[in-house]
Amino acid sequence: MAAPLEFDVLVVGSGASGLAAAVSAERAGARVALVAKGALQSCNSAKAQGGIQAAFGDDDSPEQHAEDVWESSHETADRRLVEVLTSEAPSAIKWLEEVGVEFTRENGGYRLARCGGASRKRLLQVGDRTGHAITSALRDAVESSSVQTFPKSPLTELASGENGWRARCGEHVIDAGAVVLAAGGRCFKEAQVRGELSTNHPGATGEVTKIAVELGAESRDLDALQYHPNGGAWPQTMQGYSIPETTRSYGAVLLNADREEFTD
């Protein structure tokens, strides 16, 4: 067997989270490897059409954003994590802009839309391809950096050692001081098991989540999934296009047959 490749940080997954982790670690001075089970362009994040939320309105605040998220979870979310997410959201948007994401603007500021259970307009978009724009900019940042990428190298084994972790990724064995598991999506496979249509990426099959849980990672709500069963379109070539998410990205409010709002 060839000698293991050595890095400070191994990132597993080439979606928005994995790409952002790789860029951040490399900019902090780490030697970074990023592995993906398919092509780097193949990820669930790129299919997100709706947008990304942060409190930028004059009548808004991260605290109000946190309250909205908490209420829309029916008060089941981890409040501490919600507060981290919402308090860091504005700075995350600025960081994404520095990386190259160009969010839609109007009248000198961001164009904000209201979405779901939000009490304020805080949805930022790049047309109806926000996820694609974010992942494209982050991938460009990775490819222009010293991050070493390994496409078509799925993580199959991960074990702790004296100085960190040893991972088998496709044909490669990689030793790293830290490992970021950013490939947790399993919604497409779950929908298949249920015999339902999903607009999630076909690669969202959950192998990395299983590895993390088997290693003892803390988990919660693994029975609760957002897997977009409501985005059916015909012909089959359009099935990856989420009609409800895309209409919301243009500011639409989805109503049921009684003309009541039913998305939360």
Protein backbone atom coordinates (compact mmCIF):
# COMPACT_ATOMS: atom_id res chain seq x y z
CA MET A 1 0.00 0.00 0.00
CA ALA A 2 1.25 3.48 -0.85
CA ALA A 3 2.23 5.74 2.04
CA PRO A 4 -0.71 7.79 3.41
CA LEU A 5 -1.06 11.37 2.24
CA GLU A 6 -0.69 13.83 5.12
CA PHE A 7 -2.71 17.01 5.69
CA ASP A 8 -3.68 19.22 8.59
CA VAL A 9 -7.36 19.15 7.68
CA LEU A 10 -9.45 16.73 5.62
CA VAL A 11 -12.82 18.01 4.41
CA VAL A 12 -15.36 15.45 3.19
CA GLY A 13 -17.99 16.87 0.83
CA SER A 14 -17.99 19.50 -1.90
CA GLY A 15 -21.26 21.26 -1.11
CA ALA A 16 -21.45 24.77 0.31
CA SER A 17 -20.42 23.66 3.83
CA GLY A 18 -17.45 21.59 2.70
CA LEU A 19 -16.18 24.20 0.25
CA ALA A 20 -16.51 26.97 2.85
CA ALA A 21 -14.67 24.86 5.44
CA ALA A 22 -11.85 24.14 2.99
CA VAL A 23 -11.46 27.80 2.01
CA SER A 24 -11.51 28.94 5.65
CA ALA A 25 -8.98 26.35 6.80
CA GLU A 26 -6.62 27.07 3.91
CA ARG A 27 -6.78 30.82 4.54
CA ALA A 28 -5.93 30.12 8.19
CA GLY A 29 -2.71 28.43 7.05
CA ALA A 30 -3.68 24.76 7.13
CA ARG A 31 -2.71 22.14 4.55
CA VAL A 32 -6.13 21.06 3.33
CA ALA A 33 -7.48 18.11 1.36
CA LEU A 34 -11.06 18.04 0.08
CA VAL A 35 -12.63 14.76 -1.05
CA ALA A 36 -15.94 14.15 -2.82
CA LYS A 37 -17.62 10.92 -3.87
CA GLY A 38 -18.39 12.37 -7.30
CA ALA A 39 -17.31 15.41 -9.26
CA LEU A 40 -16.69 18.56 -7.22
CA GLN A 41 -19.62 20.20 -9.03
CA SER A 42 -21.99 17.43 -7.92
CA CYS A 43 -23.68 18.49 -4.69
CA ASN A 44 -27.05 19.06 -3.09
CA SER A 45 -26.26 22.72 -2.27
CA ALA A 46 -26.08 23.68 -5.94
CA LYS A 47 -29.74 22.72 -6.36
CA ALA A 48 -30.99 25.16 -3.68
CA GLN A 49 -33.12 27.64 -5.57
CA GLY A 50 -34.86 29.63 -2.82
CA GLY A 51 -32.19 31.81 -1.22
CA ILE A 52 -30.34 32.37 2.04
CA GLN A 53 -31.55 34.41 5.01
CA ALA A 54 -29.90 37.07 7.18
CA ALA A 55 -31.16 40.07 9.13
CA PHE A 56 -30.30 43.20 7.14
CA GLY A 57 -33.58 45.17 7.15
CA ASP A 58 -33.94 48.38 9.17
CA ASP A 59 -36.78 46.75 11.12
CA ASP A 60 -34.90 43.50 11.68
CA SER A 61 -32.23 42.02 13.97
CA PRO A 62 -30.45 38.71 14.52
CA GLU A 63 -32.49 38.34 17.71
CA GLN A 64 -35.77 38.63 15.77
CA HIS A 65 -34.39 36.21 13.18
CA ALA A 66 -33.60 33.71 15.95
CA GLU A 67 -37.10 34.08 17.37
CA ASP A 68 -38.66 33.38 13.96
CA VAL A 69 -36.53 30.27 13.43
CA TRP A 70 -37.34 29.05 16.92
CA GLU A 71 -41.09 29.49 16.39
CA SER A 72 -41.06 27.93 12.92
CA SER A 73 -39.39 24.85 14.39
CA HIS A 74 -42.40 24.57 16.73
CA GLU A 75 -39.89 25.24 19.52
CA THR A 76 -38.04 21.97 18.92
CA ALA A 77 -34.75 23.39 17.59
CA ASP A 78 -31.59 23.70 19.67
CA ARG A 79 -31.92 27.34 20.75
CA ARG A 80 -28.16 27.77 21.21
CA LEU A 81 -27.47 26.62 17.65
CA VAL A 82 -30.26 28.82 16.29
CA GLU A 83 -28.68 31.85 17.97
CA VAL A 84 -25.25 31.03 16.51
CA LEU A 85 -26.76 30.59 13.04
CA THR A 86 -28.71 33.85 13.07
CA SER A 87 -26.11 36.01 14.81
CA GLU A 88 -23.40 34.96 12.32
CA ALA A 89 -25.64 35.17 9.24
CA PRO A 90 -24.87 38.82 8.28
CA SER A 91 -21.10 38.30 8.52
CA ALA A 92 -21.45 35.04 6.55
CA ILE A 93 -23.16 36.98 3.74
CA LYS A 94 -20.32 39.51 3.70
CA TRP A 95 -17.77 36.67 3.61
CA LEU A 96 -19.57 35.05 0.69
CA GLU A 97 -19.48 38.36 -1.16
CA GLU A 98 -15.73 38.57 -0.56
CA VAL A 99 -15.43 35.10 -2.10
CA GLY A 100 -17.33 36.29 -5.18
CA VAL A 101 -21.06 35.73 -4.68
CA GLU A 102 -23.06 38.63 -6.14
CA PHE A 103 -26.40 38.81 -4.34
CA THR A 104 -29.18 40.71 -6.07
CA ARG A 105 -29.32 44.36 -5.02
CA GLU A 106 -31.72 47.25 -5.54
CA ASN A 107 -31.84 50.91 -4.41
CA GLY A 108 -28.32 50.70 -2.98
CA GLY A 109 -28.98 47.72 -0.73
CA TYR A 110 -29.87 44.05 -0.84
CA ARG A 111 -33.13 43.02 -2.44
CA LEU A 112 -34.84 41.17 0.39
CA ALA A 113 -37.88 38.90 0.15
CA ARG A 114 -40.01 37.31 2.85
CA CYS A 115 -40.04 33.53 3.02
CA GLY A 116 -41.81 30.88 5.06
CA GLY A 117 -42.22 31.61 8.76
CA ALA A 118 -40.18 34.83 8.65
CA SER A 119 -41.77 37.95 10.15
CA ARG A 120 -39.42 40.20 8.18
CA LYS A 121 -37.97 40.35 4.67
CA ARG A 122 -34.54 38.74 4.98
CA LEU A 123 -34.20 36.33 2.04
CA LEU A 124 -31.19 37.15 -0.17
CA GLN A 125 -31.00 35.63 -3.63
CA VAL A 126 -29.07 35.37 -6.84
CA GLY A 127 -32.05 35.05 -9.16
CA ASP A 128 -33.49 31.58 -8.73
CA ARG A 129 -30.06 29.90 -8.65
CA THR A 130 -28.71 31.02 -5.30
CA GLY A 131 -27.25 27.64 -4.35
CA HIS A 132 -25.55 27.33 -7.72
CA ALA A 133 -24.03 30.82 -7.40
CA ILE A 134 -22.71 30.15 -3.89
CA THR A 135 -21.16 26.78 -4.69
CA SER A 136 -19.66 28.06 -7.96
CA ALA A 137 -17.93 30.97 -6.22
CA LEU A 138 -16.65 28.77 -3.39
CA ARG A 139 -15.42 26.13 -5.84
CA ASP A 140 -13.52 28.81 -7.77
CA ALA A 141 -11.92 29.90 -4.48
CA VAL A 142 -10.91 26.32 -3.69
CA GLU A 143 -9.48 25.69 -7.15
CA SER A 144 -7.41 28.88 -7.05
CA SER A 145 -5.97 28.02 -3.62
CA SER A 146 -3.54 25.42 -2.33
CA VAL A 147 -6.38 23.06 -1.32
CA GLN A 148 -5.75 19.64 -2.86
CA THR A 149 -8.94 18.10 -4.23
CA PHE A 150 -9.80 14.43 -4.72
CA PRO A 151 -12.99 14.00 -6.78
CA LYS A 152 -14.57 10.57 -7.16
CA SER A 153 -13.03 9.54 -3.83
CA PRO A 154 -15.87 8.54 -1.47
CA LEU A 155 -15.10 8.20 2.22
CA THR A 156 -15.48 4.54 3.17
CA GLU A 157 -13.47 4.22 6.40
CA LEU A 158 -12.52 6.65 9.17
CA ALA A 159 -10.62 5.80 12.34
CA SER A 160 -8.92 7.83 15.06
CA GLY A 161 -5.19 7.47 15.70
CA GLU A 162 -2.47 8.89 17.91
CA ASN A 163 -2.09 12.11 15.94
CA GLY A 164 -5.51 12.55 14.42
CA TRP A 165 -7.49 10.52 11.89
CA ARG A 166 -6.89 8.06 9.08
CA ALA A 167 -9.41 8.03 6.24
CA ARG A 168 -9.80 5.79 3.22
CA CYS A 169 -11.27 7.82 0.38
CA GLY A 170 -11.59 5.85 -2.83
CA GLU A 171 -8.07 4.76 -3.77
CA HIS A 172 -6.44 7.18 -1.30
CA VAL A 173 -5.43 6.83 2.34
CA ILE A 174 -5.25 10.22 4.05
CA ASP A 175 -3.95 11.12 7.51
CA ALA A 176 -5.19 14.40 8.97
CA GLY A 177 -5.13 16.15 12.31
CA ALA A 178 -8.77 17.17 11.92
CA VAL A 179 -11.62 15.94 9.74
CA VAL A 180 -14.67 17.97 8.73
CA LEU A 181 -17.61 15.78 7.73
CA ALA A 182 -19.73 18.00 5.48
CA ALA A 183 -21.60 15.42 3.41
CA GLY A 184 -24.52 14.48 5.58
CA GLY A 185 -27.40 14.66 3.11
CA ARG A 186 -29.47 11.49 2.80
CA CYS A 187 -32.80 12.89 1.64
CA PHE A 188 -32.79 11.51 -1.91
CA LYS A 189 -32.27 7.96 -0.67
CA GLU A 190 -34.91 8.39 2.02
CA ALA A 191 -37.44 9.54 -0.57
CA GLN A 192 -36.59 6.54 -2.74
CA VAL A 193 -37.22 4.21 0.19
CA ARG A 194 -40.62 5.86 0.66
CA GLY A 195 -41.37 5.63 -3.05
CA GLU A 196 -41.70 9.40 -3.36
CA LEU A 197 -40.28 12.02 -5.70
CA SER A 198 -37.46 14.20 -4.40
CA THR A 199 -35.83 17.24 -5.92
CA ASN A 200 -32.71 16.67 -3.81
CA HIS A 201 -29.48 15.70 -5.52
CA PRO A 202 -29.17 11.97 -6.36
CA GLY A 203 -25.92 11.93 -4.37
CA ALA A 204 -27.77 12.66 -1.10
CA THR A 205 -27.60 9.09 0.15
CA GLY A 206 -26.22 9.45 3.67
CA GLU A 207 -23.10 7.27 3.86
CA VAL A 208 -21.09 9.92 5.73
CA THR A 209 -23.86 10.51 8.25
CA LYS A 210 -23.83 6.77 8.99
CA ILE A 211 -20.05 6.81 9.49
CA ALA A 212 -20.29 9.79 11.85
CA VAL A 213 -23.00 8.18 13.97
CA GLU A 214 -21.09 4.89 14.15
CA LEU A 215 -18.05 6.82 15.42
CA GLY A 216 -20.14 8.21 18.26
CA ALA A 217 -21.05 11.66 16.94
CA GLU A 218 -23.88 13.27 18.86
CA SER A 219 -27.05 13.38 16.78
CA ARG A 220 -30.65 14.45 17.06
CA ASP A 221 -33.80 14.51 14.92
CA LEU A 222 -32.53 11.89 12.47
CA ASP A 223 -36.17 10.92 11.89
CA ALA A 224 -37.01 14.46 10.72
CA LEU A 225 -36.14 15.24 7.11
CA GLN A 226 -36.70 18.00 4.61
CA TYR A 227 -36.68 16.08 1.36
CA HIS A 228 -38.82 18.28 -0.95
CA PRO A 229 -41.53 15.82 -2.00
CA ASN A 230 -43.64 18.72 -3.25
CA GLY A 231 -41.59 19.71 -6.29
CA GLY A 232 -42.88 17.35 -8.95
CA ALA A 233 -42.71 18.44 -12.57
CA TRP A 234 -43.21 16.73 -15.89
CA PRO A 235 -41.49 15.65 -18.13
CA GLN A 236 -38.94 13.68 -16.15
CA THR A 237 -36.07 15.90 -17.31
CA MET A 238 -37.53 18.68 -15.11
CA GLN A 239 -37.82 16.61 -11.94
CA GLY A 240 -34.86 18.31 -10.28
CA TYR A 241 -36.66 21.65 -10.43
CA SER A 242 -38.47 22.53 -7.21
CA ILE A 243 -41.52 24.55 -8.26
CA PRO A 244 -42.54 25.66 -4.71
CA GLU A 245 -39.01 26.69 -3.76
CA THR A 246 -38.49 28.62 -6.97
CA THR A 247 -41.79 30.49 -6.73
CA ARG A 248 -40.94 31.45 -3.14
CA SER A 249 -37.61 32.79 -4.36
CA TYR A 250 -39.58 35.34 -6.38
CA GLY A 251 -41.56 36.39 -3.31
CA ALA A 252 -44.64 34.21 -3.83
CA VAL A 253 -46.65 32.93 -0.86
CA LEU A 254 -47.93 29.38 -1.36
CA LEU A 255 -51.60 28.83 -0.51
CA ASN A 256 -53.69 25.71 -0.14
CA ALA A 257 -57.15 25.12 -1.63
CA ASP A 258 -58.68 27.24 1.15
CA ARG A 259 -56.30 30.10 0.26
CA GLU A 260 -54.43 29.71 3.56
CA GLU A 261 -50.65 29.88 3.77
CA PHE A 262 -49.34 26.36 4.40
CA THR A 263 -45.54 26.69 4.16
CA ASP A 264 -43.79 27.47 7.41
